[in-house]
Amino acid sequence: MYAQGYPLSRSPWTVPGALDLINDLANRYPDMAVGAGTVLDDELARQSIEAGARFLTSPGFIPEVVAYAKKNRSWCCREL
């Protein structure tokens, strides 16, 4: 999708190697909005943002994930 002009990607934590994928995409394509999905707690939120995720998604409202995203100037939304 990046090659077609959609600079957006989300890697869910349910995928093996998600952290490495987030880090690789964020470093390889600095203009891409790389996100982490299925973020279930503030520890996964921390790891995601430190790896380069610019946004987080969760399967529902998880207050500590939203708080961590806000504190770190990121954003969070519910997965569809």
PDB file of N, CA and C in Angstrom:
ATOM      1  N   MET A   1       0.803  -1.180   0.000  1.00  0.00           N
ATOM      2  CA  MET A   1       0.000   0.000   0.000  1.00  0.00           C
ATOM      3  C   MET A   1       0.857   1.258   0.000  1.00  0.00           C
ATOM      4  N   TYR A   2       2.017   1.190   0.622  1.00  0.00           N
ATOM      5  CA  TYR A   2       2.901   2.352   0.676  1.00  0.00           C
ATOM      6  C   TYR A   2       3.272   2.812  -0.727  1.00  0.00           C
ATOM      7  N   ALA A   3       3.590   1.863  -1.594  1.00  0.00           N
ATOM      8  CA  ALA A   3       3.978   2.202  -2.969  1.00  0.00           C
ATOM      9  C   ALA A   3       2.833   2.851  -3.743  1.00  0.00           C
ATOM     10  N   GLN A   4       1.585   2.591  -3.342  1.00  0.00           N
ATOM     11  CA  GLN A   4       0.427   3.187  -4.005  1.00  0.00           C
ATOM     12  C   GLN A   4       0.023   4.523  -3.385  1.00  0.00           C
ATOM     13  N   GLY A   5       0.806   5.016  -2.432  1.00  0.00           N
ATOM     14  CA  GLY A   5       0.525   6.321  -1.855  1.00  0.00           C
ATOM     15  C   GLY A   5      -0.246   6.317  -0.548  1.00  0.00           C
ATOM     16  N   TYR A   6      -0.356   5.175   0.096  1.00  0.00           N
ATOM     17  CA  TYR A   6      -1.034   5.086   1.397  1.00  0.00           C
ATOM     18  C   TYR A   6       0.014   4.872   2.486  1.00  0.00           C
ATOM     19  N   PRO A   7       0.543   5.953   3.050  1.00  0.00           N
ATOM     20  CA  PRO A   7       1.621   5.817   4.034  1.00  0.00           C
ATOM     21  C   PRO A   7       1.111   5.473   5.432  1.00  0.00           C
ATOM     22  N   LEU A   8       0.434   4.327   5.526  1.00  0.00           N
ATOM     23  CA  LEU A   8      -0.157   3.912   6.785  1.00  0.00           C
ATOM     24  C   LEU A   8      -0.040   2.399   6.921  1.00  0.00           C
ATOM     25  N   SER A   9       0.361   1.946   8.103  1.00  0.00           N
ATOM     26  CA  SER A   9       0.464   0.514   8.349  1.00  0.00           C
ATOM     27  C   SER A   9       0.196   0.245   9.819  1.00  0.00           C
ATOM     28  N   ARG A  10      -0.453  -0.878  10.108  1.00  0.00           N
ATOM     29  CA  ARG A  10      -0.700  -1.278  11.496  1.00  0.00           C
ATOM     30  C   ARG A  10      -0.325  -2.746  11.636  1.00  0.00           C
ATOM     31  N   SER A  11       0.490  -3.017  12.624  1.00  0.00           N
ATOM     32  CA  SER A  11       0.892  -4.388  12.900  1.00  0.00           C
ATOM     33  C   SER A  11       0.311  -4.808  14.241  1.00  0.00           C
ATOM     34  N   PRO A  12      -0.582  -5.803  14.257  1.00  0.00           N
ATOM     35  CA  PRO A  12      -1.150  -6.238  15.538  1.00  0.00           C
ATOM     36  C   PRO A  12      -0.159  -7.070  16.339  1.00  0.00           C
ATOM     37  N   TRP A  13      -0.267  -6.962  17.651  1.00  0.00           N
ATOM     38  CA  TRP A  13       0.601  -7.734  18.536  1.00  0.00           C
ATOM     39  C   TRP A  13       0.340  -9.230  18.438  1.00  0.00           C
ATOM     40  N   THR A  14      -0.732  -9.628  17.794  1.00  0.00           N
ATOM     41  CA  THR A  14      -1.020 -11.051  17.625  1.00  0.00           C
ATOM     42  C   THR A  14      -0.155 -11.687  16.548  1.00  0.00           C
ATOM     43  N   VAL A  15       0.565 -10.878  15.777  1.00  0.00           N
ATOM     44  CA  VAL A  15       1.466 -11.378  14.736  1.00  0.00           C
ATOM     45  C   VAL A  15       2.833 -11.651  15.359  1.00  0.00           C
ATOM     46  N   PRO A  16       3.387 -12.842  15.174  1.00  0.00           N
ATOM     47  CA  PRO A  16       4.734 -13.108  15.701  1.00  0.00           C
ATOM     48  C   PRO A  16       5.741 -12.103  15.135  1.00  0.00           C
ATOM     49  N   GLY A  17       6.571 -11.554  15.999  1.00  0.00           N
ATOM     50  CA  GLY A  17       7.583 -10.598  15.563  1.00  0.00           C
ATOM     51  C   GLY A  17       7.044  -9.195  15.340  1.00  0.00           C
ATOM     52  N   ALA A  18       5.887  -8.877  15.919  1.00  0.00           N
ATOM     53  CA  ALA A  18       5.252  -7.576  15.707  1.00  0.00           C
ATOM     54  C   ALA A  18       6.166  -6.413  16.093  1.00  0.00           C
ATOM     55  N   LEU A  19       6.847  -6.529  17.204  1.00  0.00           N
ATOM     56  CA  LEU A  19       7.712  -5.439  17.656  1.00  0.00           C
ATOM     57  C   LEU A  19       8.820  -5.159  16.649  1.00  0.00           C
ATOM     58  N   ASP A  20       9.450  -6.207  16.133  1.00  0.00           N
ATOM     59  CA  ASP A  20      10.499  -6.023  15.131  1.00  0.00           C
ATOM     60  C   ASP A  20       9.936  -5.427  13.852  1.00  0.00           C
ATOM     61  N   LEU A  21       8.730  -5.842  13.462  1.00  0.00           N
ATOM     62  CA  LEU A  21       8.098  -5.307  12.264  1.00  0.00           C
ATOM     63  C   LEU A  21       7.793  -3.819  12.418  1.00  0.00           C
ATOM     64  N   ILE A  22       7.251  -3.430  13.569  1.00  0.00           N
ATOM     65  CA  ILE A  22       6.965  -2.016  13.828  1.00  0.00           C
ATOM     66  C   ILE A  22       8.250  -1.206  13.743  1.00  0.00           C
ATOM     67  N   ASN A  23       9.282  -1.688  14.407  1.00  0.00           N
ATOM     68  CA  ASN A  23      10.568  -0.996  14.409  1.00  0.00           C
ATOM     69  C   ASN A  23      11.145  -0.885  13.007  1.00  0.00           C
ATOM     70  N   ASP A  24      11.109  -1.970  12.248  1.00  0.00           N
ATOM     71  CA  ASP A  24      11.653  -1.979  10.893  1.00  0.00           C
ATOM     72  C   ASP A  24      10.903  -0.996   9.988  1.00  0.00           C
ATOM     73  N   LEU A  25       9.586  -1.031  10.025  1.00  0.00           N
ATOM     74  CA  LEU A  25       8.797  -0.133   9.174  1.00  0.00           C
ATOM     75  C   LEU A  25       9.023   1.325   9.558  1.00  0.00           C
ATOM     76  N   ALA A  26       9.043   1.616  10.857  1.00  0.00           N
ATOM     77  CA  ALA A  26       9.240   2.988  11.318  1.00  0.00           C
ATOM     78  C   ALA A  26      10.598   3.532  10.890  1.00  0.00           C
ATOM     79  N   ASN A  27      11.619   2.694  10.908  1.00  0.00           N
ATOM     80  CA  ASN A  27      12.954   3.139  10.513  1.00  0.00           C
ATOM     81  C   ASN A  27      13.132   3.191   8.998  1.00  0.00           C
ATOM     82  N   ARG A  28      12.562   2.241   8.309  1.00  0.00           N
ATOM     83  CA  ARG A  28      12.710   2.170   6.860  1.00  0.00           C
ATOM     84  C   ARG A  28      11.887   3.232   6.128  1.00  0.00           C
ATOM     85  N   TYR A  29      10.713   3.549   6.673  1.00  0.00           N
ATOM     86  CA  TYR A  29       9.802   4.510   6.045  1.00  0.00           C
ATOM     87  C   TYR A  29       9.418   5.589   7.068  1.00  0.00           C
ATOM     88  N   PRO A  30      10.286   6.555   7.309  1.00  0.00           N
ATOM     89  CA  PRO A  30      10.013   7.550   8.350  1.00  0.00           C
ATOM     90  C   PRO A  30       8.779   8.412   8.097  1.00  0.00           C
ATOM     91  N   ASP A  31       8.314   8.481   6.857  1.00  0.00           N
ATOM     92  CA  ASP A  31       7.110   9.265   6.571  1.00  0.00           C
ATOM     93  C   ASP A  31       5.839   8.424   6.669  1.00  0.00           C
ATOM     94  N   MET A  32       5.969   7.145   6.999  1.00  0.00           N
ATOM     95  CA  MET A  32       4.811   6.269   7.151  1.00  0.00           C
ATOM     96  C   MET A  32       4.277   6.349   8.581  1.00  0.00           C
ATOM     97  N   ALA A  33       2.973   6.407   8.718  1.00  0.00           N
ATOM     98  CA  ALA A  33       2.344   6.343  10.036  1.00  0.00           C
ATOM     99  C   ALA A  33       2.205   4.867  10.408  1.00  0.00           C
ATOM    100  N   VAL A  34       3.144   4.395  11.206  1.00  0.00           N
ATOM    101  CA  VAL A  34       3.164   2.994  11.621  1.00  0.00           C
ATOM    102  C   VAL A  34       2.421   2.885  12.956  1.00  0.00           C
ATOM    103  N   GLY A  35       1.533   1.912  13.024  1.00  0.00           N
ATOM    104  CA  GLY A  35       0.766   1.724  14.247  1.00  0.00           C
ATOM    105  C   GLY A  35       0.888   0.320  14.792  1.00  0.00           C
ATOM    106  N   ALA A  36       0.506   0.180  16.051  1.00  0.00           N
ATOM    107  CA  ALA A  36       0.488  -1.121  16.714  1.00  0.00           C
ATOM    108  C   ALA A  36      -0.954  -1.457  17.057  1.00  0.00           C
ATOM    109  N   GLY A  37      -1.337  -2.688  16.795  1.00  0.00           N
ATOM    110  CA  GLY A  37      -2.703  -3.108  17.067  1.00  0.00           C
ATOM    111  C   GLY A  37      -2.783  -4.150  18.167  1.00  0.00           C
ATOM    112  N   THR A  38      -3.978  -4.349  18.669  1.00  0.00           N
ATOM    113  CA  THR A  38      -4.269  -5.274  19.751  1.00  0.00           C
ATOM    114  C   THR A  38      -3.382  -4.963  20.966  1.00  0.00           C
ATOM    115  N   VAL A  39      -3.289  -3.676  21.278  1.00  0.00           N
ATOM    116  CA  VAL A  39      -2.525  -3.218  22.432  1.00  0.00           C
ATOM    117  C   VAL A  39      -3.436  -3.349  23.650  1.00  0.00           C
ATOM    118  N   LEU A  40      -3.059  -4.238  24.561  1.00  0.00           N
ATOM    119  CA  LEU A  40      -3.938  -4.607  25.670  1.00  0.00           C
ATOM    120  C   LEU A  40      -3.587  -3.982  27.016  1.00  0.00           C
ATOM    121  N   ASP A  41      -2.390  -3.387  27.128  1.00  0.00           N
ATOM    122  CA  ASP A  41      -2.011  -2.778  28.401  1.00  0.00           C
ATOM    123  C   ASP A  41      -0.953  -1.712  28.166  1.00  0.00           C
ATOM    124  N   ASP A  42      -0.594  -0.999  29.248  1.00  0.00           N
ATOM    125  CA  ASP A  42       0.361   0.087  29.096  1.00  0.00           C
ATOM    126  C   ASP A  42       1.771  -0.395  28.768  1.00  0.00           C
ATOM    127  N   GLU A  43       2.112  -1.625  29.115  1.00  0.00           N
ATOM    128  CA  GLU A  43       3.431  -2.163  28.766  1.00  0.00           C
ATOM    129  C   GLU A  43       3.547  -2.375  27.253  1.00  0.00           C
ATOM    130  N   LEU A  44       2.514  -2.937  26.637  1.00  0.00           N
ATOM    131  CA  LEU A  44       2.535  -3.073  25.174  1.00  0.00           C
ATOM    132  C   LEU A  44       2.505  -1.705  24.503  1.00  0.00           C
ATOM    133  N   ALA A  45       1.796  -0.765  25.108  1.00  0.00           N
ATOM    134  CA  ALA A  45       1.776   0.602  24.567  1.00  0.00           C
ATOM    135  C   ALA A  45       3.176   1.195  24.604  1.00  0.00           C
ATOM    136  N   ARG A  46       3.865   1.029  25.725  1.00  0.00           N
ATOM    137  CA  ARG A  46       5.232   1.549  25.863  1.00  0.00           C
ATOM    138  C   ARG A  46       6.162   0.932  24.823  1.00  0.00           C
ATOM    139  N   GLN A  47       6.129  -0.393  24.717  1.00  0.00           N
ATOM    140  CA  GLN A  47       6.994  -1.076  23.756  1.00  0.00           C
ATOM    141  C   GLN A  47       6.697  -0.629  22.323  1.00  0.00           C
ATOM    142  N   SER A  48       5.420  -0.463  22.021  1.00  0.00           N
ATOM    143  CA  SER A  48       5.015  -0.060  20.677  1.00  0.00           C
ATOM    144  C   SER A  48       5.552   1.322  20.321  1.00  0.00           C
ATOM    145  N   ILE A  49       5.334   2.278  21.217  1.00  0.00           N
ATOM    146  CA  ILE A  49       5.770   3.643  20.950  1.00  0.00           C
ATOM    147  C   ILE A  49       7.280   3.740  20.912  1.00  0.00           C
ATOM    148  N   GLU A  50       7.963   3.030  21.808  1.00  0.00           N
ATOM    149  CA  GLU A  50       9.437   3.038  21.782  1.00  0.00           C
ATOM    150  C   GLU A  50       9.977   2.421  20.494  1.00  0.00           C
ATOM    151  N   ALA A  51       9.236   1.481  19.907  1.00  0.00           N
ATOM    152  CA  ALA A  51       9.663   0.846  18.653  1.00  0.00           C
ATOM    153  C   ALA A  51       9.376   1.730  17.443  1.00  0.00           C
ATOM    154  N   GLY A  52       8.568   2.780  17.631  1.00  0.00           N
ATOM    155  CA  GLY A  52       8.297   3.689  16.532  1.00  0.00           C
ATOM    156  C   GLY A  52       6.843   3.820  16.125  1.00  0.00           C
ATOM    157  N   ALA A  53       5.935   3.156  16.834  1.00  0.00           N
ATOM    158  CA  ALA A  53       4.511   3.277  16.503  1.00  0.00           C
ATOM    159  C   ALA A  53       4.055   4.703  16.773  1.00  0.00           C
ATOM    160  N   ARG A  54       3.271   5.237  15.840  1.00  0.00           N
ATOM    161  CA  ARG A  54       2.734   6.586  15.995  1.00  0.00           C
ATOM    162  C   ARG A  54       1.282   6.570  16.440  1.00  0.00           C
ATOM    163  N   PHE A  55       0.659   5.398  16.403  1.00  0.00           N
ATOM    164  CA  PHE A  55      -0.698   5.267  16.913  1.00  0.00           C
ATOM    165  C   PHE A  55      -0.904   3.849  17.421  1.00  0.00           C
ATOM    166  N   LEU A  56      -1.915   3.692  18.267  1.00  0.00           N
ATOM    167  CA  LEU A  56      -2.232   2.404  18.881  1.00  0.00           C
ATOM    168  C   LEU A  56      -3.699   2.085  18.639  1.00  0.00           C
ATOM    169  N   THR A  57      -4.016   0.802  18.496  1.00  0.00           N
ATOM    170  CA  THR A  57      -5.411   0.378  18.448  1.00  0.00           C
ATOM    171  C   THR A  57      -5.601  -0.740  19.478  1.00  0.00           C
ATOM    172  N   SER A  58      -6.806  -0.780  20.022  1.00  0.00           N
ATOM    173  CA  SER A  58      -7.165  -1.791  21.013  1.00  0.00           C
ATOM    174  C   SER A  58      -8.539  -2.350  20.682  1.00  0.00           C
ATOM    175  N   PRO A  59      -8.825  -3.569  21.137  1.00  0.00           N
ATOM    176  CA  PRO A  59     -10.125  -4.172  20.834  1.00  0.00           C
ATOM    177  C   PRO A  59     -11.279  -3.540  21.613  1.00  0.00           C
ATOM    178  N   GLY A  60     -10.988  -2.666  22.533  1.00  0.00           N
ATOM    179  CA  GLY A  60     -12.005  -1.978  23.313  1.00  0.00           C
ATOM    180  C   GLY A  60     -11.366  -0.812  24.040  1.00  0.00           C
ATOM    181  N   PHE A  61     -12.126  -0.150  24.891  1.00  0.00           N
ATOM    182  CA  PHE A  61     -11.587   0.966  25.667  1.00  0.00           C
ATOM    183  C   PHE A  61     -10.769   0.424  26.821  1.00  0.00           C
ATOM    184  N   ILE A  62      -9.461   0.690  26.781  1.00  0.00           N
ATOM    185  CA  ILE A  62      -8.553   0.257  27.839  1.00  0.00           C
ATOM    186  C   ILE A  62      -7.910   1.531  28.392  1.00  0.00           C
ATOM    187  N   PRO A  63      -8.389   1.998  29.536  1.00  0.00           N
ATOM    188  CA  PRO A  63      -7.963   3.301  30.057  1.00  0.00           C
ATOM    189  C   PRO A  63      -6.450   3.503  30.135  1.00  0.00           C
ATOM    190  N   GLU A  64      -5.701   2.481  30.566  1.00  0.00           N
ATOM    191  CA  GLU A  64      -4.246   2.681  30.694  1.00  0.00           C
ATOM    192  C   GLU A  64      -3.556   2.818  29.349  1.00  0.00           C
ATOM    193  N   VAL A  65      -4.102   2.209  28.305  1.00  0.00           N
ATOM    194  CA  VAL A  65      -3.534   2.359  26.960  1.00  0.00           C
ATOM    195  C   VAL A  65      -3.804   3.774  26.446  1.00  0.00           C
ATOM    196  N   VAL A  66      -5.021   4.242  26.632  1.00  0.00           N
ATOM    197  CA  VAL A  66      -5.375   5.603  26.217  1.00  0.00           C
ATOM    198  C   VAL A  66      -4.525   6.623  26.974  1.00  0.00           C
ATOM    199  N   ALA A  67      -4.368   6.437  28.276  1.00  0.00           N
ATOM    200  CA  ALA A  67      -3.564   7.356  29.090  1.00  0.00           C
ATOM    201  C   ALA A  67      -2.110   7.361  28.640  1.00  0.00           C
ATOM    202  N   TYR A  68      -1.559   6.194  28.353  1.00  0.00           N
ATOM    203  CA  TYR A  68      -0.168   6.133  27.917  1.00  0.00           C
ATOM    204  C   TYR A  68       0.005   6.826  26.561  1.00  0.00           C
ATOM    205  N   ALA A  69      -0.929   6.585  25.652  1.00  0.00           N
ATOM    206  CA  ALA A  69      -0.854   7.227  24.341  1.00  0.00           C
ATOM    207  C   ALA A  69      -0.915   8.745  24.489  1.00  0.00           C
ATOM    208  N   LYS A  70      -1.840   9.221  25.285  1.00  0.00           N
ATOM    209  CA  LYS A  70      -1.984  10.672  25.485  1.00  0.00           C
ATOM    210  C   LYS A  70      -0.731  11.266  26.113  1.00  0.00           C
ATOM    211  N   LYS A  71      -0.199  10.601  27.121  1.00  0.00           N
ATOM    212  CA  LYS A  71       1.006  11.070  27.810  1.00  0.00           C
ATOM    213  C   LYS A  71       2.196  11.165  26.855  1.00  0.00           C
ATOM    214  N   ASN A  72       2.207  10.302  25.849  1.00  0.00           N
ATOM    215  CA  ASN A  72       3.332  10.254  24.915  1.00  0.00           C
ATOM    216  C   ASN A  72       3.004  10.872  23.556  1.00  0.00           C
ATOM    217  N   ARG A  73       1.995  11.719  23.544  1.00  0.00           N
ATOM    218  CA  ARG A  73       1.614  12.475  22.339  1.00  0.00           C
ATOM    219  C   ARG A  73       1.340  11.584  21.143  1.00  0.00           C
ATOM    220  N   SER A  74       0.714  10.475  21.407  1.00  0.00           N
ATOM    221  CA  SER A  74       0.272   9.548  20.378  1.00  0.00           C
ATOM    222  C   SER A  74      -1.245   9.534  20.426  1.00  0.00           C
ATOM    223  N   TRP A  75      -1.851   8.688  19.645  1.00  0.00           N
ATOM    224  CA  TRP A  75      -3.305   8.560  19.731  1.00  0.00           C
ATOM    225  C   TRP A  75      -3.686   7.106  19.714  1.00  0.00           C
ATOM    226  N   CYS A  76      -4.897   6.851  20.153  1.00  0.00           N
ATOM    227  CA  CYS A  76      -5.383   5.484  20.311  1.00  0.00           C
ATOM    228  C   CYS A  76      -6.827   5.426  19.857  1.00  0.00           C
ATOM    229  N   CYS A  77      -7.190   4.338  19.209  1.00  0.00           N
ATOM    230  CA  CYS A  77      -8.585   4.158  18.807  1.00  0.00           C
ATOM    231  C   CYS A  77      -8.961   2.681  18.916  1.00  0.00           C
ATOM    232  N   ARG A  78     -10.251   2.437  18.849  1.00  0.00           N
ATOM    233  CA  ARG A  78     -10.774   1.077  18.935  1.00  0.00           C
ATOM    234  C   ARG A  78     -10.601   0.374  17.603  1.00  0.00           C
ATOM    235  N   GLU A  79     -10.213  -0.891  17.670  1.00  0.00           N
ATOM    236  CA  GLU A  79     -10.118  -1.697  16.453  1.00  0.00           C
ATOM    237  C   GLU A  79     -11.509  -2.011  15.933  1.00  0.00           C
ATOM    238  N   LEU A  80     -11.645  -2.037  14.637  1.00  0.00           N
ATOM    239  CA  LEU A  80     -12.942  -2.381  14.029  1.00  0.00           C
ATOM    240  C   LEU A  80     -12.946  -3.803  13.569  1.00  0.00           C
TER     241      LEU A  80
END
